[in-house]
C-alpha atoms as a PDB file:
ATOM      1  CA  MET A   1     -23.808 -25.607  17.115  1.00  0.00           C
ATOM      2  CA  ALA A   2     -24.676 -22.897  14.715  1.00  0.00           C
ATOM      3  CA  GLU A   3     -22.439 -22.488  11.636  1.00  0.00           C
ATOM      4  CA  GLN A   4     -20.239 -19.357  11.633  1.00  0.00           C
ATOM      5  CA  LYS A   5     -21.642 -16.600   9.458  1.00  0.00           C
ATOM      6  CA  THR A   6     -18.421 -14.581   8.861  1.00  0.00           C
ATOM      7  CA  VAL A   7     -15.682 -16.609   7.245  1.00  0.00           C
ATOM      8  CA  PRO A   8     -12.795 -15.884   4.926  1.00  0.00           C
ATOM      9  CA  THR A   9     -13.491 -16.188   1.234  1.00  0.00           C
ATOM     10  CA  THR A  10     -11.259 -16.474  -1.832  1.00  0.00           C
ATOM     11  CA  ALA A  11     -12.784 -13.285  -3.419  1.00  0.00           C
ATOM     12  CA  ASP A  12     -10.325 -10.703  -4.721  1.00  0.00           C
ATOM     13  CA  VAL A  13      -9.932  -7.665  -2.569  1.00  0.00           C
ATOM     14  CA  GLY A  14      -8.923  -5.405  -5.500  1.00  0.00           C
ATOM     15  CA  ALA A  15     -11.952  -6.379  -7.538  1.00  0.00           C
ATOM     16  CA  PHE A  16     -14.239  -5.865  -4.598  1.00  0.00           C
ATOM     17  CA  LEU A  17     -12.826  -2.254  -4.029  1.00  0.00           C
ATOM     18  CA  ALA A  18     -12.964  -1.542  -7.800  1.00  0.00           C
ATOM     19  CA  ALA A  19     -16.666  -2.328  -7.777  1.00  0.00           C
ATOM     20  CA  ILE A  20     -17.437   0.406  -5.321  1.00  0.00           C
ATOM     21  CA  GLU A  21     -19.504   2.835  -7.521  1.00  0.00           C
ATOM     22  CA  GLN A  22     -18.878   6.171  -5.883  1.00  0.00           C
ATOM     23  CA  GLU A  23     -15.236   7.471  -6.508  1.00  0.00           C
ATOM     24  CA  GLN A  24     -14.830   9.024  -3.084  1.00  0.00           C
ATOM     25  CA  ARG A  25     -16.086   5.854  -1.268  1.00  0.00           C
ATOM     26  CA  ARG A  26     -13.666   3.768  -3.422  1.00  0.00           C
ATOM     27  CA  ALA A  27     -10.834   6.109  -2.536  1.00  0.00           C
ATOM     28  CA  ASP A  28     -11.695   6.018   1.198  1.00  0.00           C
ATOM     29  CA  ALA A  29     -11.834   2.201   1.036  1.00  0.00           C
ATOM     30  CA  ALA A  30      -8.438   2.098  -0.546  1.00  0.00           C
ATOM     31  CA  ARG A  31      -7.088   4.432   2.197  1.00  0.00           C
ATOM     32  CA  LEU A  32      -8.527   2.092   4.877  1.00  0.00           C
ATOM     33  CA  VAL A  33      -6.776  -0.856   3.235  1.00  0.00           C
ATOM     34  CA  GLU A  34      -3.513   1.156   3.540  1.00  0.00           C
ATOM     35  CA  LEU A  35      -4.089   2.248   7.081  1.00  0.00           C
ATOM     36  CA  MET A  36      -5.085  -1.210   8.414  1.00  0.00           C
ATOM     37  CA  TYR A  37      -2.299  -3.024   6.506  1.00  0.00           C
ATOM     38  CA  ALA A  38       0.293  -0.514   8.034  1.00  0.00           C
ATOM     39  CA  ARG A  39      -1.095  -0.891  11.530  1.00  0.00           C
ATOM     40  CA  THR A  40      -1.520  -4.762  11.444  1.00  0.00           C
ATOM     41  CA  GLY A  41       1.232  -5.890   9.059  1.00  0.00           C
ATOM     42  CA  GLU A  42      -1.343  -8.308   7.696  1.00  0.00           C
ATOM     43  CA  PRO A  43      -2.550  -8.263   4.105  1.00  0.00           C
ATOM     44  CA  PRO A  44      -6.126  -7.703   3.374  1.00  0.00           C
ATOM     45  CA  GLN A  45      -8.444 -10.666   2.838  1.00  0.00           C
ATOM     46  CA  MET A  46     -12.147 -10.750   1.850  1.00  0.00           C
ATOM     47  CA  TRP A  47     -14.588 -12.297   4.413  1.00  0.00           C
ATOM     48  CA  SER A  48     -18.233 -13.127   3.915  1.00  0.00           C
ATOM     49  CA  GLY A  49     -20.583 -10.172   4.225  1.00  0.00           C
ATOM     50  CA  GLY A  50     -18.411  -7.817   2.138  1.00  0.00           C
ATOM     51  CA  ILE A  51     -15.898  -7.412   4.876  1.00  0.00           C
ATOM     52  CA  VAL A  52     -12.267  -6.621   4.041  1.00  0.00           C
ATOM     53  CA  GLY A  53     -10.393  -8.129   6.947  1.00  0.00           C
ATOM     54  CA  PHE A  54      -6.832  -8.132   8.184  1.00  0.00           C
ATOM     55  CA  GLY A  55      -5.117 -10.856  10.195  1.00  0.00           C
ATOM     56  CA  GLN A  56      -7.208 -13.446  12.194  1.00  0.00           C
ATOM     57  CA  TYR A  57      -7.771 -14.940  15.591  1.00  0.00           C
ATOM     58  CA  HIS A  58      -9.560 -17.800  17.107  1.00  0.00           C
ATOM     59  CA  TYR A  59     -12.033 -17.178  19.894  1.00  0.00           C
ATOM     60  CA  ARG A  60     -13.709 -19.499  22.349  1.00  0.00           C
ATOM     61  CA  TYR A  61     -16.541 -18.285  24.768  1.00  0.00           C
ATOM     62  CA  ALA A  62     -17.413 -19.744  28.080  1.00  0.00           C
ATOM     63  CA  SER A  63     -20.640 -20.930  26.503  1.00  0.00           C
ATOM     64  CA  GLY A  64     -18.608 -23.251  24.216  1.00  0.00           C
ATOM     65  CA  HIS A  65     -19.235 -21.197  21.014  1.00  0.00           C
ATOM     66  CA  GLU A  66     -15.946 -20.625  19.081  1.00  0.00           C
ATOM     67  CA  GLY A  67     -14.904 -19.494  15.782  1.00  0.00           C
ATOM     68  CA  ASP A  68     -12.535 -17.386  13.742  1.00  0.00           C
ATOM     69  CA  SER A  69     -12.592 -13.726  12.823  1.00  0.00           C
ATOM     70  CA  CYS A  70     -10.363 -11.018  11.350  1.00  0.00           C
ATOM     71  CA  LEU A  71      -8.447  -8.909  13.768  1.00  0.00           C
ATOM     72  CA  VAL A  72      -9.802  -5.753  12.232  1.00  0.00           C
ATOM     73  CA  GLY A  73     -11.645  -4.963   9.114  1.00  0.00           C
ATOM     74  CA  PHE A  74     -14.185  -2.757   7.367  1.00  0.00           C
ATOM     75  CA  SER A  75     -17.097  -2.955   5.054  1.00  0.00           C
ATOM     76  CA  PRO A  76     -18.130  -0.173   2.718  1.00  0.00           C
ATOM     77  CA  ARG A  77     -21.825  -0.238   3.374  1.00  0.00           C
ATOM     78  CA  LYS A  78     -24.446   1.716   1.363  1.00  0.00           C
ATOM     79  CA  SER A  79     -24.333   4.974   3.468  1.00  0.00           C
ATOM     80  CA  GLU A  80     -21.268   4.514   5.652  1.00  0.00           C
ATOM     81  CA  PHE A  81     -18.255   2.512   6.462  1.00  0.00           C
ATOM     82  CA  SER A  82     -18.588  -0.236   9.209  1.00  0.00           C
ATOM     83  CA  ILE A  83     -15.100  -0.406  10.883  1.00  0.00           C
ATOM     84  CA  TYR A  84     -14.668  -3.561  12.982  1.00  0.00           C
ATOM     85  CA  LEU A  85     -12.500  -2.951  16.025  1.00  0.00           C
ATOM     86  CA  VAL A  86     -13.768  -5.661  18.541  1.00  0.00           C
ATOM     87  CA  GLY A  87     -10.679  -5.202  20.823  1.00  0.00           C
ATOM     88  CA  ILE A  88     -11.606  -1.576  21.849  1.00  0.00           C
ATOM     89  CA  TYR A  89     -14.596  -3.069  23.677  1.00  0.00           C
ATOM     90  CA  PHE A  90     -12.483  -5.118  26.172  1.00  0.00           C
ATOM     91  CA  PRO A  91     -12.813  -3.755  29.729  1.00  0.00           C
ATOM     92  CA  ASP A  92      -9.022  -3.057  29.970  1.00  0.00           C
ATOM     93  CA  SER A  93      -9.054  -1.023  26.760  1.00  0.00           C
ATOM     94  CA  THR A  94     -12.401   1.044  27.006  1.00  0.00           C
ATOM     95  CA  ASP A  95     -10.887   4.013  28.910  1.00  0.00           C
ATOM     96  CA  THR A  96      -8.102   4.508  26.327  1.00  0.00           C
ATOM     97  CA  ALA A  97     -10.631   3.802  23.517  1.00  0.00           C
ATOM     98  CA  ARG A  98     -13.082   6.413  24.981  1.00  0.00           C
ATOM     99  CA  LEU A  99     -10.348   9.018  25.011  1.00  0.00           C
ATOM    100  CA  LEU A 100      -9.396   8.245  21.379  1.00  0.00           C
ATOM    101  CA  LEU A 101     -13.029   8.207  20.297  1.00  0.00           C
ATOM    102  CA  ASP A 102     -13.533  11.637  21.701  1.00  0.00           C
ATOM    103  CA  ARG A 103     -10.780  12.822  19.411  1.00  0.00           C
ATOM    104  CA  LEU A 104     -11.838  10.828  16.346  1.00  0.00           C
ATOM    105  CA  GLY A 105     -14.375  13.075  14.843  1.00  0.00           C
ATOM    106  CA  LYS A 106     -17.780  12.411  13.363  1.00  0.00           C
ATOM    107  CA  HIS A 107     -18.716   8.811  14.025  1.00  0.00           C
ATOM    108  CA  ARG A 108     -21.265   6.639  15.708  1.00  0.00           C
ATOM    109  CA  MET A 109     -20.793   3.333  17.751  1.00  0.00           C
ATOM    110  CA  GLY A 110     -22.278  -0.035  17.234  1.00  0.00           C
ATOM    111  CA  LYS A 111     -22.086  -3.213  19.242  1.00  0.00           C
ATOM    112  CA  ALA A 112     -18.694  -4.268  17.744  1.00  0.00           C
ATOM    113  CA  CYS A 113     -17.827  -1.580  15.263  1.00  0.00           C
ATOM    114  CA  LEU A 114     -17.864   2.039  14.505  1.00  0.00           C
ATOM    115  CA  TYR A 115     -19.650   3.782  11.678  1.00  0.00           C
ATOM    116  CA  VAL A 116     -18.089   6.584   9.470  1.00  0.00           C
ATOM    117  CA  LYS A 117     -19.655   8.213   6.533  1.00  0.00           C
ATOM    118  CA  ARG A 118     -16.286   9.387   5.031  1.00  0.00           C
ATOM    119  CA  LEU A 119     -12.754   9.522   6.035  1.00  0.00           C
ATOM    120  CA  SER A 120     -12.616  13.424   5.718  1.00  0.00           C
ATOM    121  CA  ASP A 121     -14.966  13.390   8.771  1.00  0.00           C
ATOM    122  CA  ILE A 122     -12.394  11.898  11.120  1.00  0.00           C
ATOM    123  CA  ASP A 123      -8.832  12.018  12.193  1.00  0.00           C
ATOM    124  CA  GLU A 124      -7.049   9.157  10.432  1.00  0.00           C
ATOM    125  CA  ALA A 125      -4.128   9.208  12.979  1.00  0.00           C
ATOM    126  CA  VAL A 126      -6.598   8.670  15.778  1.00  0.00           C
ATOM    127  CA  LEU A 127      -8.273   5.883  13.740  1.00  0.00           C
ATOM    128  CA  GLY A 128      -4.835   4.332  13.357  1.00  0.00           C
ATOM    129  CA  GLN A 129      -4.420   4.325  17.083  1.00  0.00           C
ATOM    130  CA  LEU A 130      -7.808   2.724  17.580  1.00  0.00           C
ATOM    131  CA  VAL A 131      -6.842  -0.061  15.037  1.00  0.00           C
ATOM    132  CA  THR A 132      -3.608  -0.601  16.943  1.00  0.00           C
ATOM    133  CA  LEU A 133      -5.365  -0.719  20.276  1.00  0.00           C
ATOM    134  CA  SER A 134      -7.914  -3.270  19.029  1.00  0.00           C
ATOM    135  CA  VAL A 135      -5.263  -5.525  17.493  1.00  0.00           C
ATOM    136  CA  THR A 136      -3.083  -5.366  20.647  1.00  0.00           C
ATOM    137  CA  LYS A 137      -6.008  -6.336  22.836  1.00  0.00           C
ATOM    138  CA  LEU A 138      -7.168  -9.159  20.578  1.00  0.00           C
ATOM    139  CA  ARG A 139      -3.723 -10.613  20.284  1.00  0.00           C
ATOM    140  CA  GLU A 140      -3.485 -10.488  24.184  1.00  0.00           C
ATOM    141  CA  HIS A 141      -6.754 -12.094  24.775  1.00  0.00           C
ATOM    142  CA  TYR A 142      -7.073 -14.752  22.148  1.00  0.00           C
ATOM    143  CA  ALA A 143      -4.859 -17.310  20.510  1.00  0.00           C
ATOM    144  CA  TRP A 144      -3.469 -15.515  17.438  1.00  0.00           C
ATOM    145  CA  THR A 145      -2.061 -17.315  14.366  1.00  0.00           C
ATOM    146  CA  ARG A 146      -0.882 -16.321  10.936  1.00  0.00           C
ATOM    147  CA  GLU A 147      -1.772 -19.767   9.659  1.00  0.00           C
ATOM    148  CA  PRO A 148      -4.705 -20.103   7.268  1.00  0.00           C
ATOM    149  CA  LEU A 149      -7.965 -20.678   8.966  1.00  0.00           C
ATOM    150  CA  GLY A 150      -8.811 -24.380   9.499  1.00  0.00           C
ATOM    151  CA  LYS A 151      -5.165 -25.365  10.038  1.00  0.00           C
ATOM    152  CA  HIS A 152      -4.812 -24.645  13.719  1.00  0.00           C
END
């Protein structure tokens, strides 16, 4: 079985955020940390690939593939933020997610995340609702633990 690509690391979140060169992107990243922490109750943790994640869950697919991932997270990519909200793609949450996304503001969707250039382009309250929806659906669908990865 293939080795999991996205895993938690011991890198320091504060140092990662401080290294963001552009001041506005650094401020937006700090605001995303505040928003996601407030909505999840989970502290930020660095994951491989430059992802700041919050919480974790263990997934297992019918194919037998399994692994661990953060409940929600983001990565300040070169031209935009990737915001990871896997739970909004579940069939029982897509209608609600679609209504929220219609109100979010300027963004584009990917396979498992949404892309935002800057927080001033979107409604942060709506983003907060999307974060809550995603976390709720992931906690309903997968075994959720606060234990460190590898100990469950």
